[in-house]
Amino acid sequence: MSEKVIKTTDDLDPSMFEFQRADDSASEHIAAPKYSYWGSVFRRFFSNKIAILMLIVAVTVVLFAFIQPMISGYDHMKTPNINNKSMHYIRPFKSFKYIFGTDDKGNSLFDALWSGARNSLFIAIAATFITESIGIIVGMFWGFSKKMDVVMIEIYNVLSNIPTMLIAMILVYALGAGFGQLIFALSVTSWISTAYFIRVQVMIIRDREYNLASQCLGTPTYKIILNNILPYLISIIITSVSRDVPAFISYEVALSFMGVGLGQQHASLGRMVQNYAPYMTSAPYLFWIPVITTAVISVSLYIVGQALADASDPRTHMI
């Protein structure tokens, strides 16, 4: 059996070959699955069943708090018609119209509860937004500037040793009761703790090689903060927010319970607890329903925030 031996390139059949074009970008191709940061965050978050349950609870409570008062038109300063004597008895679970019963004035506790929850949530969210905004901005530059650090560390040492509750009480007494006054009193010094927390995290990251390289190339500080540092602090910021919202709700409830929060003209969970405290033994549902609602809001928001902070940490996305 004879074999055909190819001795020269002239004996090759051109149809056996296919010309390929050079592709300079082919060398940059990475054989790895497509990655999306926020897609990975939400996949990890929704894999946590407890977090999903608490998210449903939190969203339901917040929607009820902001929508239900608009539907009911509840005004806690108005008293029902005194000719209707049946409405002026404290009675739990009276009917579907009064699903949580009525209070000592005959008002629907269900309507009063969501009206108070709306105001308490509004104060907590507003105070958290102010605290986090100021704290993050100041903390970022505080962590970079050694001159600023000398001044700010002394301010922090003074303010951090004064209880937030005491400062809030003094300011509310001085400024008077009201939404703006209470929000200002809660956030006027709270930002310093957030700023110090962010400052520590920035100091950990700022001296990494890529940040030093950016500084050597003359990149402005604010660009280094926005592009190189802030993305690494997303999970830390979410953790801080998840602590602040429940904390400010608790502060509002405590201050209003002591009579130095919102005025009598404004409904709130703290004001309800204060007003219904005398009925703790005779009609305990009046006292415990606002207390339990406060606990549910605080716990659900905290758990959701912590789960989201854990899911947004890039270190948890490694396969």
Protein backbone atom coordinates (compact mmCIF):
# COMPACT_ATOMS: atom_id res chain seq x y z
CA MET A 1 0.00 0.00 0.00
CA SER A 2 1.59 3.18 -1.12
CA GLU A 3 1.46 6.43 0.89
CA LYS A 4 1.41 9.87 -0.64
CA VAL A 5 4.19 11.96 0.75
CA ILE A 6 3.93 15.74 0.67
CA LYS A 7 7.35 17.06 -0.07
CA THR A 8 6.76 20.77 -0.71
CA THR A 9 4.17 23.42 0.08
CA ASP A 10 3.21 23.38 -3.56
CA ASP A 11 1.67 19.98 -3.03
CA LEU A 12 -0.77 21.32 -0.34
CA ASP A 13 -4.44 21.77 -1.20
CA PRO A 14 -5.49 25.41 -0.45
CA SER A 15 -9.01 24.25 0.40
CA MET A 16 -7.62 22.57 3.50
CA PHE A 17 -6.94 25.94 5.14
CA GLU A 18 -8.97 28.96 6.22
CA PHE A 19 -7.53 32.43 6.63
CA GLN A 20 -8.07 34.07 10.07
CA ARG A 21 -8.10 37.77 10.76
CA ALA A 22 -5.98 39.09 13.60
CA ASP A 23 -8.08 40.38 16.52
CA ASP A 24 -6.14 42.53 18.99
CA SER A 25 -8.97 42.40 21.57
CA ALA A 26 -8.98 38.60 21.68
CA SER A 27 -6.03 38.61 24.07
CA GLU A 28 -8.08 40.67 26.52
CA HIS A 29 -10.97 38.23 26.62
CA ILE A 30 -11.44 36.63 30.02
CA ALA A 31 -13.09 33.24 30.12
CA ALA A 32 -15.30 33.98 33.15
CA PRO A 33 -19.08 34.25 33.65
CA LYS A 34 -20.63 37.69 33.26
CA TYR A 35 -20.76 39.48 36.62
CA SER A 36 -23.18 42.14 37.78
CA TYR A 37 -22.57 43.68 41.20
CA TRP A 38 -26.17 44.67 41.95
CA GLY A 39 -27.46 41.47 40.40
CA SER A 40 -25.25 39.55 42.81
CA VAL A 41 -26.42 41.74 45.70
CA PHE A 42 -30.10 41.06 45.05
CA ARG A 43 -29.54 37.35 44.43
CA ARG A 44 -27.79 37.02 47.77
CA PHE A 45 -30.37 39.17 49.57
CA PHE A 46 -33.38 37.27 48.24
CA SER A 47 -31.77 33.96 49.11
CA ASN A 48 -32.23 34.94 52.78
CA LYS A 49 -35.74 33.83 53.73
CA ILE A 50 -35.80 35.72 57.01
CA ALA A 51 -34.77 38.91 55.20
CA ILE A 52 -37.58 38.43 52.66
CA LEU A 53 -40.13 37.94 55.46
CA MET A 54 -38.91 41.06 57.29
CA LEU A 55 -38.91 43.01 54.02
CA ILE A 56 -42.57 42.12 53.46
CA VAL A 57 -43.38 43.17 57.04
CA ALA A 58 -41.43 46.44 56.73
CA VAL A 59 -42.94 47.38 53.34
CA THR A 60 -46.46 46.56 54.57
CA VAL A 61 -46.06 48.66 57.71
CA VAL A 62 -44.54 51.62 55.85
CA LEU A 63 -47.25 51.57 53.16
CA PHE A 64 -49.97 51.40 55.79
CA ALA A 65 -48.36 54.24 57.72
CA PHE A 66 -48.22 56.61 54.74
CA ILE A 67 -51.38 55.58 52.82
CA GLN A 68 -53.95 54.65 55.47
CA PRO A 69 -54.10 58.11 57.14
CA MET A 70 -54.81 59.71 53.75
CA ILE A 71 -57.74 57.33 53.23
CA SER A 72 -59.18 57.56 56.74
CA GLY A 73 -58.72 61.33 57.11
CA TYR A 74 -58.02 60.75 60.80
CA ASP A 75 -57.45 63.81 63.00
CA HIS A 76 -56.56 62.97 66.58
CA MET A 77 -57.54 66.49 67.71
CA LYS A 78 -61.16 65.88 66.75
CA THR A 79 -63.52 64.10 69.13
CA PRO A 80 -66.41 61.97 67.80
CA ASN A 81 -69.98 63.17 68.18
CA ILE A 82 -70.71 63.19 71.91
CA ASN A 83 -74.38 62.32 71.28
CA ASN A 84 -73.30 58.84 70.19
CA LYS A 85 -72.55 57.38 73.62
CA SER A 86 -71.46 53.97 72.28
CA MET A 87 -68.39 55.50 70.69
CA HIS A 88 -67.13 56.85 74.01
CA TYR A 89 -66.50 53.54 75.70
CA ILE A 90 -63.07 51.98 75.66
CA ARG A 91 -63.76 48.73 73.88
CA PRO A 92 -61.23 46.44 72.14
CA PHE A 93 -61.97 44.89 68.74
CA LYS A 94 -65.31 46.62 68.58
CA SER A 95 -66.11 45.95 64.92
CA PHE A 96 -64.45 45.85 61.51
CA LYS A 97 -64.67 49.64 61.48
CA TYR A 98 -62.80 49.75 64.78
CA ILE A 99 -60.56 46.72 64.28
CA PHE A 100 -58.24 47.69 67.16
CA GLY A 101 -61.07 49.08 69.26
CA THR A 102 -61.57 52.63 70.49
CA ASP A 103 -59.74 54.79 72.99
CA ASP A 104 -61.01 56.91 75.88
CA LYS A 105 -62.31 59.53 73.44
CA GLY A 106 -64.01 57.05 71.13
CA ASN A 107 -61.40 57.45 68.39
CA SER A 108 -60.43 54.45 66.28
CA LEU A 109 -57.15 53.07 67.62
CA PHE A 110 -56.40 51.58 64.18
CA ASP A 111 -56.55 55.01 62.54
CA ALA A 112 -54.64 56.65 65.38
CA LEU A 113 -51.91 53.98 65.22
CA TRP A 114 -51.08 54.51 61.54
CA SER A 115 -51.28 58.28 61.83
CA GLY A 116 -48.77 58.14 64.67
CA ALA A 117 -46.56 55.63 62.83
CA ARG A 118 -46.45 57.92 59.77
CA ASN A 119 -45.16 60.86 61.81
CA SER A 120 -42.64 58.73 63.72
CA LEU A 121 -41.30 57.21 60.49
CA PHE A 122 -41.10 60.63 58.84
CA ILE A 123 -39.04 62.00 61.72
CA ALA A 124 -36.76 58.94 61.78
CA ILE A 125 -36.18 58.94 58.01
CA ALA A 126 -35.55 62.70 57.87
CA ALA A 127 -33.13 62.61 60.82
CA THR A 128 -31.33 59.60 59.30
CA PHE A 129 -30.99 61.33 55.92
CA ILE A 130 -29.49 64.46 57.50
CA THR A 131 -27.21 62.48 59.82
CA GLU A 132 -25.91 60.16 57.10
CA SER A 133 -25.46 62.90 54.49
CA ILE A 134 -23.44 65.17 56.76
CA GLY A 135 -21.60 62.29 58.42
CA ILE A 136 -20.53 60.62 55.16
CA ILE A 137 -19.32 63.86 53.53
CA VAL A 138 -17.43 65.05 56.62
CA GLY A 139 -16.08 61.58 57.37
CA MET A 140 -14.69 61.13 53.86
CA PHE A 141 -12.62 64.32 53.96
CA TRP A 142 -11.84 63.83 57.65
CA GLY A 143 -10.17 60.53 56.85
CA PHE A 144 -8.01 62.16 54.15
CA SER A 145 -7.00 65.44 55.79
CA LYS A 146 -4.54 65.35 58.69
CA LYS A 147 -5.16 69.04 59.47
CA MET A 148 -8.91 68.45 59.62
CA ASP A 149 -8.31 65.38 61.78
CA VAL A 150 -6.63 67.45 64.51
CA VAL A 151 -9.70 69.69 64.87
CA MET A 152 -12.44 67.12 64.31
CA ILE A 153 -11.04 64.60 66.77
CA GLU A 154 -11.35 67.16 69.57
CA ILE A 155 -14.93 68.00 68.55
CA TYR A 156 -15.73 64.30 68.50
CA ASN A 157 -14.24 63.74 71.96
CA VAL A 158 -16.47 66.46 73.38
CA LEU A 159 -19.76 65.68 71.63
CA SER A 160 -19.52 61.88 71.84
CA ASN A 161 -19.41 62.06 75.65
CA ILE A 162 -22.73 63.92 75.86
CA PRO A 163 -25.78 61.60 75.57
CA THR A 164 -27.83 62.26 72.44
CA MET A 165 -31.04 62.02 74.45
CA LEU A 166 -29.89 64.77 76.82
CA ILE A 167 -28.94 67.12 73.96
CA ALA A 168 -32.25 66.44 72.21
CA MET A 169 -34.24 67.16 75.38
CA ILE A 170 -32.45 70.45 76.00
CA LEU A 171 -32.87 71.60 72.40
CA VAL A 172 -36.55 70.68 72.24
CA TYR A 173 -37.15 72.54 75.51
CA ALA A 174 -35.33 75.58 74.11
CA LEU A 175 -36.76 75.51 70.58
CA GLY A 176 -40.25 74.22 71.36
CA ALA A 177 -42.17 71.18 70.16
CA GLY A 178 -42.58 70.49 66.47
CA PHE A 179 -41.38 68.38 63.53
CA GLY A 180 -38.54 70.65 62.48
CA GLN A 181 -37.32 71.23 66.03
CA LEU A 182 -37.32 67.51 66.87
CA ILE A 183 -35.54 66.51 63.66
CA PHE A 184 -32.90 69.19 64.27
CA ALA A 185 -32.47 68.11 67.90
CA LEU A 186 -31.97 64.46 66.92
CA SER A 187 -29.52 65.10 64.08
CA VAL A 188 -27.54 68.10 65.34
CA THR A 189 -24.89 65.93 67.02
CA SER A 190 -25.68 62.42 65.73
CA TRP A 191 -23.73 63.04 62.53
CA ILE A 192 -20.42 63.20 64.42
CA SER A 193 -20.57 59.48 65.26
CA THR A 194 -21.28 58.60 61.63
CA ALA A 195 -18.45 60.86 60.47
CA TYR A 196 -15.99 59.22 62.87
CA PHE A 197 -17.08 55.76 61.74
CA ILE A 198 -16.58 56.69 58.07
CA ARG A 199 -13.25 58.35 58.89
CA VAL A 200 -11.89 55.11 60.31
CA GLN A 201 -12.96 53.15 57.23
CA VAL A 202 -11.43 55.74 54.88
CA MET A 203 -8.13 55.62 56.75
CA ILE A 204 -8.03 51.85 56.21
CA ILE A 205 -8.49 52.18 52.44
CA ARG A 206 -6.76 55.46 51.56
CA ASP A 207 -3.18 54.13 51.62
CA ARG A 208 -3.73 51.26 49.23
CA GLU A 209 -1.52 51.20 46.15
CA TYR A 210 -4.12 52.37 43.64
CA ASN A 211 -5.02 55.38 45.82
CA LEU A 212 -1.38 56.32 46.24
CA ALA A 213 -0.94 56.01 42.48
CA SER A 214 -3.93 58.30 41.91
CA GLN A 215 -2.48 60.89 44.28
CA CYS A 216 0.90 60.73 42.53
CA LEU A 217 -0.83 61.34 39.20
CA GLY A 218 -2.48 64.46 40.62
CA THR A 219 -6.04 63.16 40.84
CA PRO A 220 -8.21 65.51 42.95
CA THR A 221 -9.17 64.24 46.39
CA TYR A 222 -12.91 64.33 45.69
CA LYS A 223 -12.45 62.09 42.62
CA ILE A 224 -10.41 59.60 44.64
CA ILE A 225 -13.17 59.56 47.26
CA LEU A 226 -15.99 59.13 44.73
CA ASN A 227 -14.32 56.59 42.46
CA ASN A 228 -11.88 54.65 44.64
CA ILE A 229 -13.26 54.75 48.20
CA LEU A 230 -17.02 55.29 48.23
CA PRO A 231 -17.85 52.05 46.33
CA TYR A 232 -16.04 50.04 49.02
CA LEU A 233 -18.14 51.67 51.76
CA ILE A 234 -21.62 50.87 50.41
CA SER A 235 -22.18 47.96 52.79
CA ILE A 236 -20.85 50.02 55.71
CA ILE A 237 -23.17 52.93 54.90
CA ILE A 238 -26.17 50.59 54.63
CA THR A 239 -25.23 49.12 58.02
CA SER A 240 -25.15 52.61 59.52
CA VAL A 241 -28.54 53.50 58.02
CA SER A 242 -30.08 50.25 59.29
CA ARG A 243 -29.02 51.23 62.81
CA ASP A 244 -30.03 54.89 62.63
CA VAL A 245 -33.66 54.52 61.48
CA PRO A 246 -34.74 52.22 64.37
CA ALA A 247 -32.64 54.28 66.80
CA PHE A 248 -34.35 57.55 65.83
CA ILE A 249 -37.78 55.89 66.08
CA SER A 250 -36.85 54.82 69.62
CA TYR A 251 -35.61 58.34 70.44
CA GLU A 252 -38.86 59.88 69.19
CA VAL A 253 -40.96 57.42 71.21
CA ALA A 254 -38.89 58.02 74.36
CA LEU A 255 -38.92 61.81 74.03
CA SER A 256 -42.65 61.98 73.28
CA PHE A 257 -43.33 59.58 76.17
CA MET A 258 -41.48 62.01 78.46
CA GLY A 259 -43.53 64.89 77.04
CA VAL A 260 -40.69 66.67 75.20
CA GLY A 261 -41.17 65.30 71.69
CA LEU A 262 -43.92 66.39 69.34
CA GLY A 263 -46.63 68.67 70.65
CA GLN A 264 -50.15 67.56 71.47
CA GLN A 265 -51.29 68.73 68.04
CA HIS A 266 -49.25 65.99 66.35
CA ALA A 267 -49.91 62.26 66.60
CA SER A 268 -46.95 59.90 67.06
CA LEU A 269 -46.23 56.48 68.48
CA GLY A 270 -44.48 58.04 71.46
CA ARG A 271 -47.39 60.36 72.14
CA MET A 272 -49.79 57.40 72.00
CA VAL A 273 -47.70 55.44 74.49
CA GLN A 274 -47.68 58.46 76.81
CA ASN A 275 -51.43 59.08 76.52
CA TYR A 276 -52.40 55.43 77.00
CA ALA A 277 -49.92 54.57 79.77
CA PRO A 278 -52.57 55.16 82.51
CA TYR A 279 -54.71 52.42 80.90
CA MET A 280 -51.98 49.77 81.09
CA THR A 281 -53.99 47.69 83.56
CA SER A 282 -57.60 48.66 82.78
CA ALA A 283 -57.27 48.59 78.96
CA PRO A 284 -53.79 47.17 78.21
CA TYR A 285 -54.41 46.93 74.45
CA LEU A 286 -54.30 50.74 74.23
CA PHE A 287 -50.72 50.71 75.55
CA TRP A 288 -49.32 47.52 74.09
CA ILE A 289 -50.51 47.87 70.48
CA PRO A 290 -48.40 51.05 69.89
CA VAL A 291 -45.45 49.49 71.77
CA ILE A 292 -45.59 46.28 69.72
CA THR A 293 -45.97 48.27 66.48
CA THR A 294 -42.86 50.29 67.36
CA ALA A 295 -40.93 47.07 68.02
CA VAL A 296 -42.09 45.47 64.75
CA ILE A 297 -41.07 48.53 62.71
CA SER A 298 -37.66 48.81 64.39
CA VAL A 299 -36.79 45.10 64.24
CA SER A 300 -37.96 44.58 60.64
CA LEU A 301 -36.08 47.61 59.32
CA TYR A 302 -32.93 46.62 61.21
CA ILE A 303 -32.95 43.01 59.94
CA VAL A 304 -33.60 44.11 56.36
CA GLY A 305 -30.81 46.67 56.58
CA GLN A 306 -28.32 44.19 58.00
CA ALA A 307 -29.18 41.58 55.37
CA LEU A 308 -28.80 44.15 52.59
CA ALA A 309 -25.49 45.34 54.05
CA ASP A 310 -24.18 41.78 54.11
CA ALA A 311 -25.35 41.18 50.54
CA SER A 312 -23.73 44.39 49.30
CA ASP A 313 -20.31 43.52 50.74
CA PRO A 314 -18.15 42.57 47.70
CA ARG A 315 -16.23 40.06 49.81
CA THR A 316 -19.36 37.92 50.11
CA HIS A 317 -19.66 37.63 46.31
CA MET A 318 -16.54 35.51 45.86
CA ILE A 319 -17.25 32.05 44.44
